[in-house]
Amino acid sequence: MRIWFNRWFTTVTHFIELIRKNDEGRRFVFFGTHSNRDALYLQYCDYAFTEPSVSGDEYIEFCLEFCLKHKIDIFIPRKENVLISKRLADFEAIGVKVLVCPDSELMETLDNKAAAYHSIMQKGEESAELVSIPDFYVVNNIKDFKIAYQTLRDKGHTVCFKPVIGEGATGFRVIEDKIESIDLLFRRASSRRLPYHYACEILSQQEVFPDLMVLEYLEGPEYSIDCIASYDQLYAAIPRMKGEGRIREIVDHHELIQLAHRFHHHYQLPFIFNIQVKYNQGVPKLLEINPRMSGGMHFSCLSGLNLPYLAIKLLLGDEIGQLKPRFGIRASHLEKEMILDKDLFA
């Protein structure tokens, strides 16, 4: 079968290798595309191509043409996955199975962090206790930003902010009351912290800026929960704690596993998804929900579950049976040098 990964994170290399080495001996041919020819995961594909620098419906047309031209059987998208979900019928019409949640409204909600928070809060008002939400406000001008900041400070919170729509920690900042000292400057390799007055200076550059979430900063440990599911059943939830530096721990965390089951019960998100939470004063609070493979999911596969291959089996309608992940695993990773194959591209 022919699988295509469009523009993805570099860590998709691990997913490609996991699928390729599946324990059932099923054979796949991998296609990869990216706008950057030097994207490292392309080196792990059987065929690599550069993508055009387009977006929206124009990008979907590129995807459909690519699938037809290369006889793609399975498409695993990251770029434009919300719009791809809206256009699933077009892919199905040409015989392509797409590993994406087919509920495009849910995809759109989860893509917007504020909308996801409001959705979960609404279910909470309907007596569905899913997960705690941090105190937050959505602003798009400096006046409202200052009001939100002061309101959160008055509640005793350290304050942070991040874009309403974005991936990972892009745009995330923690607001400090003081200018960074020389001591901290020399001890920090990098910092996502900035003084309040500096944040105001930056945000004052525009009368209206893209929606920004201003919220309480969560001080406790952070967990990423990788989940494999059908519409009706959550087969496994694997909590992965982010330790110091590059340390990751696969933990049998009952509270977080139950949280994942409650979420799936109410949203029926299929195939593969990820819930990120962080603790504050002993309470796990939601960071975000990713309706796709998470960038660090390969660590969760150390539990003995080949999550990307299992997701493909669910997409194809195969049975996957009972899953028993192994917990209690601590792991990290090393950098790896790589010579780029200049002749890889077709």
Protein backbone atom coordinates (compact mmCIF):
# COMPACT_ATOMS: atom_id res chain seq x y z
CA MET A 1 0.00 0.00 0.00
CA ARG A 2 1.11 3.52 -0.75
CA ILE A 3 1.17 6.00 2.15
CA TRP A 4 1.69 9.74 1.81
CA PHE A 5 2.82 12.08 4.59
CA ASN A 6 2.48 15.71 3.56
CA ARG A 7 4.19 18.54 5.44
CA TRP A 8 4.95 17.08 8.89
CA PHE A 9 7.24 17.45 11.89
CA THR A 10 10.71 15.93 11.59
CA THR A 11 9.74 13.33 14.22
CA VAL A 12 7.44 11.72 11.65
CA THR A 13 10.57 9.78 10.70
CA HIS A 14 9.87 7.59 13.74
CA PHE A 15 6.28 6.97 12.62
CA ILE A 16 7.44 5.95 9.15
CA GLU A 17 9.93 3.47 10.62
CA LEU A 18 7.35 2.06 13.05
CA ILE A 19 4.86 1.48 10.25
CA ARG A 20 7.55 -0.01 8.00
CA LYS A 21 8.62 -2.47 10.72
CA ASN A 22 5.11 -3.55 11.73
CA ASP A 23 5.00 -7.04 13.26
CA GLU A 24 2.53 -8.36 10.69
CA GLY A 25 4.94 -7.98 7.79
CA ARG A 26 2.57 -5.70 5.91
CA ARG A 27 4.46 -3.82 3.21
CA PHE A 28 4.11 -0.12 2.52
CA VAL A 29 5.65 2.34 0.09
CA PHE A 30 6.19 5.81 1.59
CA PHE A 31 5.75 9.13 -0.16
CA GLY A 32 6.79 12.37 1.51
CA THR A 33 6.38 16.00 0.55
CA HIS A 34 7.54 19.28 2.06
CA SER A 35 8.19 22.79 0.81
CA ASN A 36 11.75 22.43 2.15
CA ARG A 37 13.80 19.86 0.21
CA ASP A 38 16.03 19.37 3.27
CA ALA A 39 13.21 18.29 5.61
CA LEU A 40 14.86 15.25 7.20
CA TYR A 41 11.88 12.88 7.15
CA LEU A 42 11.98 12.95 3.35
CA GLN A 43 15.21 10.93 3.62
CA TYR A 44 13.19 8.08 5.18
CA CYS A 45 10.64 7.97 2.38
CA ASP A 46 10.81 5.81 -0.73
CA TYR A 47 9.80 8.79 -2.85
CA ALA A 48 10.18 12.47 -2.00
CA PHE A 49 8.79 15.61 -3.63
CA THR A 50 8.67 19.33 -2.92
CA GLU A 51 5.30 20.94 -2.22
CA PRO A 52 4.11 24.19 -3.77
CA SER A 53 3.93 27.17 -1.40
CA VAL A 54 0.14 27.39 -1.45
CA SER A 55 -2.61 26.96 1.13
CA GLY A 56 -6.39 26.67 1.45
CA ASP A 57 -8.42 25.17 -1.39
CA GLU A 58 -5.47 25.54 -3.77
CA TYR A 59 -3.48 23.22 -1.50
CA ILE A 60 -6.34 20.70 -1.41
CA GLU A 61 -6.33 20.61 -5.21
CA PHE A 62 -2.60 19.87 -5.08
CA CYS A 63 -3.30 17.03 -2.62
CA LEU A 64 -5.99 15.49 -4.79
CA GLU A 65 -3.79 15.67 -7.89
CA PHE A 66 -0.86 14.16 -5.97
CA CYS A 67 -2.99 11.26 -4.76
CA LEU A 68 -4.24 10.54 -8.26
CA LYS A 69 -0.86 10.84 -9.92
CA HIS A 70 0.94 8.58 -7.42
CA LYS A 71 -1.95 6.16 -6.75
CA ILE A 72 -1.94 6.91 -3.02
CA ASP A 73 -3.93 4.49 -0.86
CA ILE A 74 -3.54 6.17 2.56
CA PHE A 75 -3.02 9.87 3.19
CA ILE A 76 -1.78 10.97 6.64
CA PRO A 77 -1.98 14.77 6.64
CA ARG A 78 -0.77 17.41 9.03
CA LYS A 79 -0.80 20.58 6.95
CA GLU A 80 -4.38 21.80 6.31
CA ASN A 81 -5.81 18.80 8.15
CA VAL A 82 -8.92 20.77 9.17
CA LEU A 83 -9.71 21.71 5.57
CA ILE A 84 -8.85 18.19 4.43
CA SER A 85 -11.43 16.90 6.93
CA LYS A 86 -14.03 19.17 5.28
CA ARG A 87 -13.10 17.77 1.86
CA LEU A 88 -12.96 14.08 2.79
CA ALA A 89 -15.62 13.16 0.24
CA ASP A 90 -13.32 14.35 -2.55
CA PHE A 91 -10.57 11.99 -1.38
CA GLU A 92 -12.95 9.10 -0.86
CA ALA A 93 -14.26 9.60 -4.40
CA ILE A 94 -10.79 8.77 -5.78
CA GLY A 95 -10.28 5.80 -3.44
CA VAL A 96 -8.00 7.44 -0.87
CA LYS A 97 -8.40 6.73 2.85
CA VAL A 98 -7.39 9.72 4.98
CA LEU A 99 -6.19 9.39 8.57
CA VAL A 100 -8.08 12.38 9.91
CA CYS A 101 -11.15 12.83 12.07
CA PRO A 102 -14.12 12.99 9.66
CA ASP A 103 -16.04 15.37 11.95
CA SER A 104 -14.84 18.63 10.41
CA GLU A 105 -16.73 20.77 12.94
CA LEU A 106 -14.94 19.02 15.79
CA MET A 107 -11.63 19.40 13.95
CA GLU A 108 -12.25 23.13 13.59
CA THR A 109 -13.15 23.43 17.28
CA LEU A 110 -10.04 21.60 18.46
CA ASP A 111 -7.84 23.63 16.11
CA ASN A 112 -8.89 26.76 18.02
CA LYS A 113 -7.69 26.52 21.63
CA ALA A 114 -10.29 28.99 22.93
CA ALA A 115 -13.13 27.20 21.11
CA ALA A 116 -11.91 23.87 22.53
CA TYR A 117 -11.90 25.32 26.04
CA HIS A 118 -15.41 26.73 25.60
CA SER A 119 -16.66 23.40 24.25
CA ILE A 120 -15.34 21.52 27.28
CA MET A 121 -16.68 24.18 29.65
CA GLN A 122 -20.11 23.86 28.03
CA LYS A 123 -20.09 20.10 28.58
CA GLY A 124 -19.10 20.81 32.18
CA GLU A 125 -22.21 22.96 32.54
CA GLU A 126 -24.16 19.94 31.28
CA SER A 127 -22.75 17.89 34.20
CA ALA A 128 -19.94 16.25 32.19
CA GLU A 129 -16.76 16.59 34.27
CA LEU A 130 -14.03 16.17 31.64
CA VAL A 131 -10.95 18.19 32.59
CA SER A 132 -10.26 21.45 34.41
CA ILE A 133 -9.63 24.53 32.27
CA PRO A 134 -7.11 27.22 33.24
CA ASP A 135 -8.45 30.72 33.93
CA PHE A 136 -8.18 32.52 30.61
CA TYR A 137 -9.30 35.43 28.46
CA VAL A 138 -9.18 35.95 24.69
CA VAL A 139 -8.01 39.39 23.58
CA ASN A 140 -7.05 41.12 20.35
CA ASN A 141 -6.04 44.62 21.49
CA ILE A 142 -3.68 46.11 24.07
CA LYS A 143 -6.44 47.52 26.29
CA ASP A 144 -8.08 44.11 26.76
CA PHE A 145 -4.67 42.49 27.16
CA LYS A 146 -3.86 44.77 30.10
CA ILE A 147 -7.26 44.14 31.70
CA ALA A 148 -6.87 40.36 31.33
CA TYR A 149 -3.35 40.48 32.74
CA GLN A 150 -4.38 42.47 35.80
CA THR A 151 -7.47 40.33 36.44
CA LEU A 152 -5.36 37.15 36.44
CA ARG A 153 -2.72 38.78 38.63
CA ASP A 154 -5.42 39.82 41.10
CA LYS A 155 -6.39 36.12 41.32
CA GLY A 156 -2.83 35.30 42.33
CA HIS A 157 -1.76 33.78 39.00
CA THR A 158 1.49 34.07 37.16
CA VAL A 159 0.34 35.08 33.66
CA CYS A 160 1.25 33.68 30.26
CA PHE A 161 -0.12 34.05 26.74
CA LYS A 162 -0.20 32.16 23.45
CA PRO A 163 -1.95 32.40 20.06
CA VAL A 164 -5.46 30.96 19.89
CA ILE A 165 -4.45 29.02 16.78
CA GLY A 166 -0.99 27.51 16.64
CA GLU A 167 1.07 24.36 17.18
CA GLY A 168 3.29 23.42 20.05
CA ALA A 169 4.85 26.29 21.99
CA THR A 170 4.92 28.72 19.08
CA GLY A 171 4.21 32.21 20.40
CA PHE A 172 4.01 31.07 24.03
CA ARG A 173 5.42 33.49 26.61
CA VAL A 174 5.39 33.75 30.40
CA ILE A 175 5.15 37.31 31.72
CA GLU A 176 7.64 38.29 34.38
CA ASP A 177 7.28 41.28 36.67
CA LYS A 178 10.95 42.16 36.48
CA ILE A 179 13.52 42.60 33.77
CA GLU A 180 15.75 39.52 33.46
CA SER A 181 18.88 39.84 35.59
CA ILE A 182 22.41 39.47 34.26
CA ASP A 183 22.70 36.29 36.35
CA LEU A 184 19.67 34.71 34.65
CA LEU A 185 20.82 35.93 31.24
CA PHE A 186 24.05 33.96 31.60
CA ARG A 187 22.42 30.87 33.12
CA ARG A 188 19.49 30.45 30.70
CA ALA A 189 20.23 28.90 27.34
CA SER A 190 16.94 30.27 26.06
CA SER A 191 13.89 31.78 27.64
CA ARG A 192 10.21 32.09 26.86
CA ARG A 193 9.85 34.73 29.56
CA LEU A 194 9.58 38.45 29.03
CA PRO A 195 8.74 41.48 31.19
CA TYR A 196 5.19 42.81 31.21
CA HIS A 197 6.15 46.24 29.86
CA TYR A 198 7.98 44.59 26.95
CA ALA A 199 4.94 42.48 26.10
CA CYS A 200 2.84 45.66 26.08
CA GLU A 201 5.33 47.40 23.80
CA ILE A 202 5.20 44.58 21.29
CA LEU A 203 1.41 44.18 21.32
CA SER A 204 0.90 47.95 21.05
CA GLN A 205 2.47 47.90 17.59
CA GLN A 206 -0.95 47.08 16.13
CA GLU A 207 -4.35 48.48 17.04
CA VAL A 208 -5.81 44.98 16.58
CA PHE A 209 -3.74 41.78 16.61
CA PRO A 210 -4.67 38.10 16.04
CA ASP A 211 -6.62 36.53 18.91
CA LEU A 212 -4.42 35.82 21.89
CA MET A 213 -5.17 33.70 24.94
CA VAL A 214 -4.05 35.31 28.20
CA LEU A 215 -4.17 32.68 30.92
CA GLU A 216 -2.85 31.39 34.22
CA TYR A 217 0.58 29.83 34.01
CA LEU A 218 0.57 26.23 35.20
CA GLU A 219 3.55 25.55 37.43
CA GLY A 220 3.39 21.76 37.85
CA PRO A 221 4.46 18.73 35.80
CA GLU A 222 3.33 18.43 32.16
CA TYR A 223 1.87 15.30 30.61
CA SER A 224 1.06 14.34 27.04
CA ILE A 225 -1.51 11.54 26.69
CA ASP A 226 -1.36 9.62 23.40
CA CYS A 227 -4.61 7.82 22.61
CA ILE A 228 -5.66 5.14 20.11
CA ALA A 229 -9.39 4.73 19.52
CA SER A 230 -12.28 3.81 17.26
CA TYR A 231 -15.47 5.86 17.36
CA ASP A 232 -16.90 3.57 20.02
CA GLN A 233 -13.89 2.52 22.07
CA LEU A 234 -10.72 4.00 23.50
CA TYR A 235 -8.25 1.11 23.25
CA ALA A 236 -5.33 2.70 25.08
CA ALA A 237 -4.27 5.98 26.66
CA ILE A 238 -0.57 6.38 27.39
CA PRO A 239 0.44 9.26 29.69
CA ARG A 240 3.92 10.58 28.97
CA MET A 241 5.46 12.89 31.55
CA LYS A 242 7.90 15.55 30.40
CA GLY A 243 10.81 15.50 32.83
CA GLU A 244 13.93 17.63 33.06
CA GLY A 245 15.52 18.40 29.70
CA ARG A 246 14.90 15.53 27.29
CA ILE A 247 13.69 12.99 29.84
CA ARG A 248 10.30 11.39 29.17
CA GLU A 249 8.52 8.88 31.42
CA ILE A 250 5.73 6.51 30.34
CA VAL A 251 3.57 6.29 33.46
CA ASP A 252 0.52 4.31 34.57
CA HIS A 253 -1.29 7.45 35.73
CA HIS A 254 -4.84 6.40 36.60
CA GLU A 255 -6.23 9.95 36.89
CA LEU A 256 -5.01 10.90 33.40
CA ILE A 257 -6.07 7.61 31.80
CA GLN A 258 -9.58 8.14 33.17
CA LEU A 259 -9.51 11.72 31.90
CA ALA A 260 -8.77 10.40 28.40
CA HIS A 261 -11.65 7.91 28.65
CA ARG A 262 -14.07 10.66 29.71
CA PHE A 263 -12.96 12.87 26.85
CA HIS A 264 -13.39 10.11 24.28
CA HIS A 265 -16.80 9.17 25.67
CA HIS A 266 -18.09 12.67 24.96
CA TYR A 267 -16.24 13.46 21.71
CA GLN A 268 -15.78 10.03 20.03
CA LEU A 269 -12.55 11.20 18.39
CA PRO A 270 -11.34 8.28 16.22
CA PHE A 271 -7.99 6.82 15.21
CA ILE A 272 -5.29 8.69 17.08
CA PHE A 273 -5.24 11.83 19.20
CA ASN A 274 -3.31 13.53 21.96
CA ILE A 275 -4.32 15.41 25.11
CA GLN A 276 -1.84 17.72 26.80
CA VAL A 277 -2.32 18.75 30.42
CA LYS A 278 -0.25 20.44 33.07
CA TYR A 279 -0.76 20.40 36.80
CA ASN A 280 -1.29 23.44 39.00
CA GLN A 281 -1.66 22.97 42.76
CA GLY A 282 -2.41 19.28 42.29
CA VAL A 283 -5.07 19.76 39.59
CA PRO A 284 -4.47 18.66 35.96
CA LYS A 285 -5.56 21.45 33.61
CA LEU A 286 -5.90 21.29 29.86
CA LEU A 287 -3.26 22.77 27.57
CA GLU A 288 -4.61 21.53 24.24
CA ILE A 289 -6.03 18.60 22.30
CA ASN A 290 -4.37 17.47 19.06
CA PRO A 291 -6.61 15.35 16.79
CA ARG A 292 -3.54 13.76 15.16
CA MET A 293 -0.27 12.04 16.03
CA SER A 294 1.70 14.16 18.47
CA GLY A 295 5.29 15.14 17.76
CA GLY A 296 6.56 13.02 20.66
CA MET A 297 4.33 10.00 20.15
CA HIS A 298 7.28 7.76 19.33
CA PHE A 299 8.19 7.85 23.03
CA SER A 300 4.77 6.42 23.88
CA CYS A 301 5.45 3.61 21.41
CA LEU A 302 8.17 2.41 23.80
CA SER A 303 5.20 1.00 25.72
CA GLY A 304 5.11 -1.80 23.15
CA LEU A 305 2.23 -0.37 21.12
CA ASN A 306 2.91 0.54 17.49
CA LEU A 307 0.48 3.45 17.58
CA PRO A 308 0.83 4.72 13.99
CA TYR A 309 0.36 1.21 12.57
CA LEU A 310 -2.60 0.56 14.87
CA ALA A 311 -4.18 3.81 13.66
CA ILE A 312 -3.79 2.64 10.05
CA LYS A 313 -5.42 -0.68 10.93
CA LEU A 314 -8.40 1.15 12.42
CA LEU A 315 -8.61 3.36 9.33
CA LEU A 316 -8.70 0.23 7.15
CA GLY A 317 -11.41 -1.36 9.28
CA ASP A 318 -9.16 -4.07 10.77
CA GLU A 319 -9.58 -5.47 14.28
CA ILE A 320 -6.82 -4.56 16.72
CA GLY A 321 -7.90 -6.55 19.79
CA GLN A 322 -7.02 -5.80 23.39
CA LEU A 323 -3.99 -3.60 24.01
CA LYS A 324 -1.74 -3.77 27.08
CA PRO A 325 0.87 -1.01 27.13
CA ARG A 326 3.93 -1.32 29.36
CA PHE A 327 4.48 1.52 31.81
CA GLY A 328 7.33 2.58 34.07
CA ILE A 329 9.70 3.45 31.21
CA ARG A 330 12.13 6.39 31.38
CA ALA A 331 13.67 7.48 28.08
CA SER A 332 15.57 10.21 26.31
CA HIS A 333 17.21 10.67 22.93
CA LEU A 334 20.47 11.66 21.23
CA GLU A 335 21.06 13.80 18.17
CA LYS A 336 21.96 11.82 15.05
CA GLU A 337 24.04 13.04 12.13
CA MET A 338 22.71 12.41 8.64
CA ILE A 339 24.14 12.72 5.12
CA LEU A 340 21.44 14.02 2.81
CA ASP A 341 20.78 12.03 -0.35
CA LYS A 342 20.74 14.63 -3.12
CA ASP A 343 19.38 12.09 -5.62
CA LEU A 344 16.34 11.21 -3.52
CA PHE A 345 13.90 13.52 -5.29
CA ALA A 346 11.99 12.32 -8.32
